[in-house]
Amino acid sequence: MHNYKALKSASKASVQKVKVVDDPAVEAVAEVRDDDGVITTHSVHAQAERSHEELQVVCKCYDPNTGEAKDDSVRAYSLSDVKREIDRRKSEIARAQAEQAEWEQLETDLKAL
């Protein structure tokens, strides 16, 4: 995430874990009484709630013209996504360091002439 460390230190970004309900719980029902008192019989099977936890980054948002606060920006992350990004950055660093070493060797050889 771009600029997370600075945003966090300025209290403009935070992380949270929230419960997301995929399917709410349903109680078993055998009959239903309508407004007129008429009973209709049908069954609805009980179903347990299905949910999962989501890791989120919440960033404060402001209107650049007025400075007025806007709705927060919320983005979900998984730890595997974050790990993949860290590994990608490490790979980029290793590649950049190898290129730097190549240029430094060329510089050394040219100075030796």
Foldseek 3Di string as FASTA:
>chain_A
DPPPVVCVVVVFKDKDKDKAWPAAWDDWDQWDADPVRDIDGDIDHTDHIDIDIWMKMWGWDADPVPRHTDHIDIDTDDPVRVVVVVVVVVVVVVVVVVVVVVVVVVVVVVVVD
